[in-house]
Amino acid sequence: MDDSLYFSEQHEAVRDMVRAFAREHVAPVAAQHDADSTFPWKNIKKMGELGLLGVPWSEDIGGAGFDILSFMIAIEELGKVDASHSLTISAHTTLGTSPIVNFGTRAQVERYVPLLASGTVLGGFGLTEESAGSDAGGTRTTAVRKNGHYVLNGSKRFITHAGVGEIFVVTAVTNPEAGTKGISSFILTKETCDLDTCRALGIGHDDSLTAMPGFTSGKKEDKLGWRASDTRELLFDNVEVPAENLLGAEGLGFVNFMKTLDSGRIGIAALSLGIAQGAFDEALKYASVRKQFGAAIATFQGIQFQLSDIATELEAGRHLMYHAAWLAQNGKPFGKEAAMAKLFCSELAMRATIKAIQIHGGYGYTKDYPVERYMRDAKICEIGEGTSEIQRMVIARHLLKGLI
């Protein structure tokens, strides 16, 4: 892709910075964090210091003062080395922080966003439930107004940063008779599950936040991929949430979260693209040095065809993703383009990683090479923030609008 189509010198500088950080600090520890399923707090602290946890937010609210394209560049570059690190900035920024930036009151923005944008604490987004995954309108968590606050009861499943995070935006039903128009959103706070580690490192916890009694996280999920990312349940047991923590007006929680997911899909497309590019780079490098029948396997037409296919799809995916990001940055409609980018890039990540393993042969099936980790990390990209099937439904809805 001709970088001049989308990128300025500042964008290139962001890419160089994130690429250097990923290679120097993430690459050496990614496999171990994956194997141990441990959250990379030391690198999270470094990421916060570099501004990577608040890339698109203005400096006056604690951000790095860059833009959406810079944010996608950061996600892609980290994804080339490790999906879990990349997901941390993607989920924290788009899902945990952007709803407050976009729909919060001035007081809410001033209270919570600087803590999130600076990386002082991590944030999360509570939407998915046991029976409300693709059907997000099937939310069962309830919020009942009582004596100047709301009482929340229920749970959320598969929530990124549920354990390690301290600030969350969650949905709950405030009017059971109104369907999706009866779903509202709230800002909730709790203590990180890694309090001792966070205090020792000076990251991930802020004493000024009041932990809400009854708001807790469940056991950590033992996942196929994204193993260094923290995924758990969020549990609400008669949690008293101040009325001023209602995010947006009552009944707008569903529509606002759908807008948030549109943006999140571009982030998952960037992450998927990073995984695919990382796997391709490994395959290209391996094919150039691995010899069979007296020659490097890169000289074999069968290998060349596979590499050519991946390279072509990477080019197409990059255009789709950065075009969607450009539309979002310039205030233009981007829902269809975000869904297309997420669909194509997530499925590309699976195709690319499987081919990368095949090119590595038996070695690709071992943990001596990172391509098996890339494949495990790629699969969830076809599921999270809307499955491939949901993306196709979204795209079709845009195509058929006004026709049927």
Protein backbone atom coordinates (compact mmCIF):
# COMPACT_ATOMS: atom_id res chain seq x y z
CA MET A 1 0.00 0.00 0.00
CA ASP A 2 1.22 3.50 -0.80
CA ASP A 3 1.58 4.92 2.72
CA SER A 4 1.27 8.48 1.42
CA LEU A 5 -2.42 7.81 0.75
CA TYR A 6 -3.20 7.86 4.46
CA PHE A 7 -0.09 8.66 6.49
CA SER A 8 1.77 11.83 7.40
CA GLU A 9 5.31 12.01 8.78
CA GLN A 10 3.78 11.95 12.25
CA HIS A 11 2.03 8.67 11.46
CA GLU A 12 5.33 7.19 10.28
CA ALA A 13 6.98 8.36 13.49
CA VAL A 14 4.28 6.63 15.55
CA ARG A 15 4.81 3.45 13.54
CA ASP A 16 8.56 3.54 14.10
CA MET A 17 8.12 4.11 17.82
CA VAL A 18 5.60 1.31 18.33
CA ARG A 19 7.56 -1.07 16.10
CA ALA A 20 10.71 -0.48 18.12
CA PHE A 21 8.85 -0.97 21.40
CA ALA A 22 7.24 -4.19 20.15
CA ARG A 23 10.52 -5.67 19.01
CA GLU A 24 12.52 -4.62 22.06
CA HIS A 25 10.05 -5.22 24.88
CA VAL A 26 7.20 -7.41 23.63
CA ALA A 27 8.84 -9.97 21.36
CA PRO A 28 11.22 -11.35 24.05
CA VAL A 29 8.40 -12.06 26.54
CA ALA A 30 5.35 -12.81 24.37
CA ALA A 31 5.78 -16.59 24.26
CA GLN A 32 6.30 -16.86 28.03
CA HIS A 33 3.26 -14.75 28.88
CA ASP A 34 1.25 -16.88 26.44
CA ALA A 35 2.49 -20.12 28.00
CA ASP A 36 1.86 -18.94 31.56
CA SER A 37 -1.33 -17.02 30.76
CA THR A 38 0.00 -14.04 32.72
CA PHE A 39 -0.92 -10.40 32.24
CA PRO A 40 2.13 -8.35 31.10
CA TRP A 41 1.94 -5.61 33.73
CA LYS A 42 5.55 -4.43 33.26
CA ASN A 43 4.95 -3.80 29.57
CA ILE A 44 1.57 -2.24 30.32
CA LYS A 45 3.39 0.32 32.43
CA LYS A 46 5.82 1.05 29.57
CA MET A 47 2.89 1.32 27.15
CA GLY A 48 1.24 3.86 29.42
CA GLU A 49 4.44 5.89 29.63
CA LEU A 50 4.66 5.93 25.81
CA GLY A 51 1.07 7.14 25.54
CA LEU A 52 -0.13 3.93 23.90
CA LEU A 53 -3.13 3.63 26.22
CA GLY A 54 -4.53 6.98 25.12
CA VAL A 55 -3.35 7.41 21.53
CA PRO A 56 -6.42 9.13 20.00
CA TRP A 57 -7.41 11.29 22.97
CA SER A 58 -6.46 14.94 23.37
CA GLU A 59 -3.74 15.92 25.78
CA ASP A 60 -6.12 17.98 27.91
CA ILE A 61 -7.84 14.77 29.03
CA GLY A 62 -4.63 12.81 29.53
CA GLY A 63 -4.20 11.38 26.04
CA ALA A 64 -1.29 11.34 23.62
CA GLY A 65 -2.96 13.83 21.28
CA PHE A 66 -2.77 11.75 18.11
CA ASP A 67 -5.58 10.49 15.88
CA ILE A 68 -7.53 7.38 14.87
CA LEU A 69 -5.06 6.44 12.13
CA SER A 70 -2.21 6.58 14.65
CA PHE A 71 -4.26 4.36 16.95
CA MET A 72 -4.77 1.74 14.23
CA ILE A 73 -1.08 1.86 13.36
CA ALA A 74 -0.23 1.11 17.00
CA ILE A 75 -2.68 -1.80 17.13
CA GLU A 76 -1.34 -3.28 13.89
CA GLU A 77 2.32 -2.95 14.86
CA LEU A 78 1.81 -4.60 18.25
CA GLY A 79 -0.34 -7.29 16.60
CA LYS A 80 2.59 -8.26 14.38
CA VAL A 81 4.45 -9.37 17.50
CA ASP A 82 1.78 -10.30 20.05
CA ALA A 83 -2.00 -10.14 19.86
CA SER A 84 -2.51 -9.93 23.63
CA HIS A 85 -0.51 -6.72 23.98
CA SER A 86 -2.28 -5.30 20.95
CA LEU A 87 -5.70 -6.22 22.30
CA THR A 88 -4.93 -4.42 25.54
CA ILE A 89 -4.65 -1.02 23.85
CA SER A 90 -7.52 -1.77 21.48
CA ALA A 91 -10.07 -2.90 24.08
CA HIS A 92 -8.96 -0.39 26.71
CA THR A 93 -9.17 2.56 24.34
CA THR A 94 -12.12 1.76 22.09
CA LEU A 95 -14.32 -0.21 24.46
CA GLY A 96 -13.27 1.01 27.90
CA THR A 97 -12.65 4.69 27.23
CA SER A 98 -14.41 5.87 24.06
CA PRO A 99 -17.98 5.49 25.42
CA ILE A 100 -17.13 7.94 28.21
CA VAL A 101 -15.42 10.32 25.77
CA ASN A 102 -18.28 10.14 23.27
CA PHE A 103 -21.36 9.93 25.49
CA GLY A 104 -20.26 11.12 28.92
CA THR A 105 -20.96 14.40 30.69
CA ARG A 106 -18.15 16.88 31.19
CA ALA A 107 -17.91 15.75 34.82
CA GLN A 108 -17.65 12.08 33.80
CA VAL A 109 -14.99 12.81 31.20
CA GLU A 110 -12.93 14.88 33.64
CA ARG A 111 -13.27 12.27 36.38
CA TYR A 112 -12.50 9.07 34.51
CA VAL A 113 -10.84 9.69 31.15
CA PRO A 114 -7.51 11.09 32.41
CA LEU A 115 -7.02 7.95 34.51
CA LEU A 116 -7.75 5.76 31.50
CA ALA A 117 -6.00 7.77 28.78
CA SER A 118 -2.80 8.05 30.79
CA GLY A 119 -2.81 4.31 31.49
CA THR A 120 -3.05 4.87 35.25
CA VAL A 121 -5.83 2.25 35.35
CA LEU A 122 -7.32 -0.08 32.77
CA GLY A 123 -10.88 -0.01 31.49
CA GLY A 124 -13.36 -2.47 30.06
CA PHE A 125 -16.72 -2.82 28.34
CA GLY A 126 -19.49 -5.03 29.71
CA LEU A 127 -21.96 -6.07 27.03
CA THR A 128 -21.87 -9.85 26.42
CA GLU A 129 -23.90 -12.11 28.71
CA GLU A 130 -24.55 -15.83 29.00
CA SER A 131 -27.57 -15.58 26.71
CA ALA A 132 -26.77 -12.27 25.03
CA GLY A 133 -23.75 -12.59 22.76
CA SER A 134 -24.56 -11.97 19.12
CA ASP A 135 -28.03 -11.00 20.38
CA ALA A 136 -26.82 -8.03 22.41
CA GLY A 137 -30.42 -6.86 22.71
CA GLY A 138 -31.09 -9.88 24.92
CA THR A 139 -29.42 -8.24 27.93
CA ARG A 140 -30.65 -9.64 31.26
CA THR A 141 -28.60 -7.58 33.72
CA THR A 142 -31.00 -5.18 35.44
CA ALA A 143 -30.68 -1.67 36.87
CA VAL A 144 -33.45 -0.48 39.17
CA ARG A 145 -33.55 3.14 40.27
CA LYS A 146 -33.87 3.54 44.01
CA ASN A 147 -33.20 6.46 46.38
CA GLY A 148 -30.93 8.43 44.06
CA HIS A 149 -28.96 5.49 42.69
CA TYR A 150 -29.36 2.41 40.52
CA VAL A 151 -29.12 -1.14 41.86
CA LEU A 152 -27.49 -3.50 39.34
CA ASN A 153 -27.87 -7.27 39.36
CA GLY A 154 -26.63 -9.79 36.82
CA SER A 155 -23.39 -10.72 35.08
CA LYS A 156 -21.33 -10.26 31.92
CA ARG A 157 -19.25 -12.93 30.15
CA PHE A 158 -15.93 -12.92 28.30
CA ILE A 159 -15.02 -9.39 29.34
CA THR A 160 -11.53 -8.15 28.47
CA HIS A 161 -9.78 -6.68 31.54
CA ALA A 162 -12.59 -7.83 33.84
CA GLY A 163 -10.08 -8.77 36.52
CA VAL A 164 -7.23 -6.34 35.98
CA GLY A 165 -9.34 -3.27 35.19
CA GLU A 166 -10.85 -0.69 37.53
CA ILE A 167 -13.23 1.40 35.36
CA PHE A 168 -15.99 -0.23 33.32
CA VAL A 169 -18.87 0.81 31.13
CA VAL A 170 -21.69 -1.77 31.28
CA THR A 171 -25.21 -2.19 29.96
CA ALA A 172 -28.28 -3.03 32.03
CA VAL A 173 -32.04 -3.06 31.50
CA THR A 174 -33.78 -0.06 33.05
CA ASN A 175 -37.14 -0.57 31.32
CA PRO A 176 -37.99 -4.25 30.62
CA GLU A 177 -41.02 -3.28 28.53
CA ALA A 178 -39.10 -1.21 25.98
CA GLY A 179 -36.88 -3.84 24.34
CA THR A 180 -33.53 -2.48 23.18
CA LYS A 181 -34.78 1.04 23.98
CA GLY A 182 -34.97 -0.02 27.60
CA ILE A 183 -31.21 -0.71 27.86
CA SER A 184 -29.03 1.91 29.54
CA SER A 185 -25.31 2.15 30.25
CA PHE A 186 -23.40 2.95 33.42
CA ILE A 187 -19.87 3.67 34.63
CA LEU A 188 -18.80 1.27 37.39
CA THR A 189 -15.57 1.04 39.40
CA LYS A 190 -13.85 -1.74 41.30
CA GLU A 191 -10.37 -2.74 42.49
CA THR A 192 -7.99 -4.55 40.20
CA CYS A 193 -7.50 -8.23 41.01
CA ASP A 194 -3.69 -7.70 40.94
CA LEU A 195 -3.58 -5.02 43.62
CA ASP A 196 -0.21 -5.96 45.15
CA THR A 197 1.50 -6.16 41.77
CA CYS A 198 -0.05 -2.88 40.66
CA ARG A 199 1.02 -1.05 43.80
CA ALA A 200 4.56 -2.40 43.46
CA LEU A 201 4.79 -1.27 39.82
CA GLY A 202 2.86 1.97 40.23
CA ILE A 203 0.34 1.09 37.51
CA GLY A 204 -3.20 -0.29 37.28
CA HIS A 205 -4.68 1.13 40.50
CA ASP A 206 -5.82 4.52 41.72
CA ASP A 207 -6.80 5.15 45.32
CA SER A 208 -9.16 7.97 44.31
CA LEU A 209 -11.58 5.46 42.75
CA THR A 210 -14.24 4.06 45.06
CA ALA A 211 -14.76 0.33 44.68
CA MET A 212 -18.49 -0.38 44.47
CA PRO A 213 -19.55 -3.16 46.88
CA GLY A 214 -20.98 -6.18 45.08
CA PHE A 215 -19.12 -5.42 41.83
CA THR A 216 -16.53 -8.18 41.32
CA SER A 217 -14.89 -10.34 38.68
CA GLY A 218 -15.03 -14.12 38.31
CA LYS A 219 -12.41 -16.73 37.54
CA LYS A 220 -9.97 -16.15 34.71
CA GLU A 221 -10.86 -17.92 31.47
CA ASP A 222 -8.36 -20.52 30.21
CA LYS A 223 -8.35 -19.61 26.53
CA LEU A 224 -7.01 -21.03 23.28
CA GLY A 225 -5.45 -17.70 22.29
CA TRP A 226 -5.02 -14.15 23.59
CA ARG A 227 -3.71 -15.95 26.67
CA ALA A 228 -1.82 -12.98 28.08
CA SER A 229 -5.02 -10.93 27.95
CA ASP A 230 -7.27 -10.99 31.01
CA THR A 231 -10.76 -12.37 30.29
CA ARG A 232 -13.34 -13.06 33.01
CA GLU A 233 -16.93 -12.58 34.11
CA LEU A 234 -18.14 -9.36 35.66
CA LEU A 235 -20.58 -9.96 38.51
CA PHE A 236 -23.16 -7.53 39.91
CA ASP A 237 -24.75 -8.37 43.27
CA ASN A 238 -26.97 -5.48 44.39
CA VAL A 239 -24.36 -2.97 43.22
CA GLU A 240 -25.39 0.57 44.14
CA VAL A 241 -24.38 2.89 41.30
CA PRO A 242 -24.81 6.65 41.81
CA ALA A 243 -27.36 8.19 39.44
CA GLU A 244 -24.66 10.51 38.11
CA ASN A 245 -22.86 7.40 36.76
CA LEU A 246 -25.60 6.84 34.20
CA LEU A 247 -23.78 7.20 30.87
CA GLY A 248 -25.96 9.10 28.42
CA ALA A 249 -29.73 9.20 28.80
CA GLU A 250 -31.76 6.23 29.98
CA GLY A 251 -32.62 3.94 27.10
CA LEU A 252 -29.67 4.94 24.91
CA GLY A 253 -27.28 2.27 26.14
CA PHE A 254 -27.92 -0.13 23.29
CA VAL A 255 -27.64 2.35 20.43
CA ASN A 256 -24.52 3.94 21.93
CA PHE A 257 -22.86 0.56 22.40
CA MET A 258 -23.62 -0.34 18.79
CA LYS A 259 -21.82 2.84 17.73
CA THR A 260 -18.92 1.84 19.95
CA LEU A 261 -18.77 -1.60 18.34
CA ASP A 262 -18.56 -0.03 14.88
CA SER A 263 -15.32 1.65 15.95
CA GLY A 264 -14.16 -1.47 17.74
CA ARG A 265 -14.46 -3.47 14.54
CA ILE A 266 -11.82 -1.31 12.87
CA GLY A 267 -9.55 -2.06 15.83
CA ILE A 268 -10.08 -5.81 15.50
CA ALA A 269 -9.40 -5.48 11.77
CA ALA A 270 -6.09 -3.76 12.59
CA LEU A 271 -5.23 -6.44 15.14
CA SER A 272 -6.12 -9.19 12.67
CA LEU A 273 -4.02 -7.53 10.00
CA GLY A 274 -1.09 -7.36 12.40
CA ILE A 275 -1.38 -11.07 13.21
CA ALA A 276 -1.56 -11.96 9.51
CA GLN A 277 1.43 -9.75 8.67
CA GLY A 278 3.44 -11.18 11.55
CA ALA A 279 2.73 -14.74 10.41
CA PHE A 280 3.57 -13.82 6.81
CA ASP A 281 6.89 -12.25 7.84
CA GLU A 282 7.81 -15.41 9.75
CA ALA A 283 6.83 -17.64 6.83
CA LEU A 284 8.78 -15.54 4.32
CA LYS A 285 11.86 -15.59 6.51
CA TYR A 286 11.62 -19.33 7.14
CA ALA A 287 11.04 -20.18 3.48
CA SER A 288 14.17 -18.30 2.49
CA VAL A 289 16.46 -20.32 4.80
CA ARG A 290 14.78 -23.73 5.03
CA LYS A 291 16.27 -26.13 2.46
CA GLN A 292 14.76 -29.25 0.97
CA PHE A 293 15.92 -31.18 -2.07
CA GLY A 294 19.04 -29.04 -2.11
CA ALA A 295 17.32 -25.66 -2.41
CA ALA A 296 15.54 -23.07 -0.26
CA ILE A 297 11.84 -23.91 -0.20
CA ALA A 298 11.11 -20.33 -1.27
CA THR A 299 12.28 -21.36 -4.74
CA PHE A 300 9.46 -23.92 -5.02
CA GLN A 301 6.43 -22.74 -6.96
CA GLY A 302 4.00 -24.22 -4.41
CA ILE A 303 5.53 -22.10 -1.64
CA GLN A 304 5.74 -19.03 -3.86
CA PHE A 305 2.03 -19.28 -4.69
CA GLN A 306 1.10 -19.43 -1.00
CA LEU A 307 3.29 -16.43 -0.18
CA SER A 308 1.89 -14.50 -3.14
CA ASP A 309 -1.69 -15.17 -2.07
CA ILE A 310 -1.06 -13.98 1.48
CA ALA A 311 0.80 -10.86 0.31
CA THR A 312 -2.05 -9.94 -2.04
CA GLU A 313 -4.68 -10.37 0.66
CA LEU A 314 -2.62 -8.36 3.13
CA GLU A 315 -2.55 -5.49 0.66
CA ALA A 316 -6.32 -5.68 0.21
CA GLY A 317 -6.94 -5.92 3.94
CA ARG A 318 -4.74 -2.94 4.66
CA HIS A 319 -6.71 -0.79 2.22
CA LEU A 320 -10.02 -1.90 3.73
CA MET A 321 -8.94 -1.24 7.30
CA TYR A 322 -7.23 2.11 6.80
CA HIS A 323 -10.05 3.32 4.54
CA ALA A 324 -12.55 2.59 7.32
CA ALA A 325 -10.26 4.35 9.82
CA TRP A 326 -9.93 7.37 7.51
CA LEU A 327 -13.72 7.60 7.20
CA ALA A 328 -14.10 7.46 10.99
CA GLN A 329 -11.42 10.09 11.49
CA ASN A 330 -13.06 12.44 9.02
CA GLY A 331 -16.54 12.15 10.49
CA LYS A 332 -18.01 10.19 7.61
CA PRO A 333 -20.31 7.12 7.89
CA PHE A 334 -18.19 4.01 8.31
CA GLY A 335 -20.41 1.22 9.68
CA LYS A 336 -20.43 -0.84 6.48
CA GLU A 337 -16.73 -0.30 5.84
CA ALA A 338 -15.84 -1.24 9.43
CA ALA A 339 -17.80 -4.48 9.14
CA MET A 340 -16.16 -5.27 5.80
CA ALA A 341 -12.69 -4.61 7.19
CA LYS A 342 -13.34 -6.68 10.30
CA LEU A 343 -14.81 -9.57 8.31
CA PHE A 344 -12.06 -9.67 5.68
CA CYS A 345 -9.09 -9.10 7.97
CA SER A 346 -10.19 -11.56 10.67
CA GLU A 347 -10.75 -14.33 8.14
CA LEU A 348 -7.49 -13.37 6.43
CA ALA A 349 -5.69 -13.79 9.77
CA MET A 350 -6.88 -17.40 9.93
CA ARG A 351 -5.94 -18.14 6.32
CA ALA A 352 -2.53 -16.52 6.67
CA THR A 353 -1.60 -18.21 9.93
CA ILE A 354 -2.66 -21.65 8.69
CA LYS A 355 -0.57 -21.18 5.55
CA ALA A 356 2.35 -19.94 7.65
CA ILE A 357 2.24 -23.13 9.70
CA GLN A 358 2.06 -25.22 6.52
CA ILE A 359 5.12 -23.46 5.11
CA HIS A 360 6.98 -24.20 8.34
CA GLY A 361 6.00 -27.86 8.07
CA GLY A 362 6.44 -29.87 11.27
CA TYR A 363 8.31 -27.02 12.92
CA GLY A 364 5.25 -24.83 12.56
CA TYR A 365 3.36 -27.20 14.84
CA THR A 366 5.86 -26.67 17.65
CA LYS A 367 6.32 -23.79 20.06
CA ASP A 368 9.85 -23.25 18.75
CA TYR A 369 8.31 -20.87 16.21
CA PRO A 370 5.63 -18.24 16.88
CA VAL A 371 3.31 -19.16 14.02
CA GLU A 372 1.28 -21.64 16.10
CA ARG A 373 0.63 -18.84 18.62
CA TYR A 374 -0.40 -16.54 15.80
CA MET A 375 -2.94 -19.12 14.62
CA ARG A 376 -4.41 -19.53 18.11
CA ASP A 377 -4.60 -15.76 18.50
CA ALA A 378 -6.23 -15.33 15.09
CA LYS A 379 -9.29 -17.49 15.72
CA ILE A 380 -10.98 -15.24 18.25
CA CYS A 381 -10.78 -12.33 15.79
CA GLU A 382 -13.55 -14.09 13.81
CA ILE A 383 -15.69 -14.18 16.97
CA GLY A 384 -15.05 -11.15 19.20
CA GLU A 385 -16.83 -7.81 18.65
CA GLY A 386 -19.31 -9.49 16.33
CA THR A 387 -18.84 -12.86 14.67
CA SER A 388 -18.18 -13.19 10.94
CA GLU A 389 -21.85 -14.07 10.56
CA ILE A 390 -22.91 -10.86 12.31
CA GLN A 391 -20.57 -8.84 10.08
CA ARG A 392 -22.22 -10.32 7.01
CA MET A 393 -25.62 -9.38 8.43
CA VAL A 394 -24.44 -5.82 9.06
CA ILE A 395 -23.03 -5.51 5.55
CA ALA A 396 -26.20 -6.93 4.00
CA ARG A 397 -28.33 -4.50 6.03
CA HIS A 398 -26.38 -1.61 4.53
CA LEU A 399 -26.59 -3.05 1.01
CA LEU A 400 -30.33 -3.61 1.18
CA LYS A 401 -31.26 -0.40 2.96
CA GLY A 402 -34.09 1.23 1.05
CA LEU A 403 -34.53 -1.72 -1.27
CA ILE A 404 -36.64 -4.10 0.81
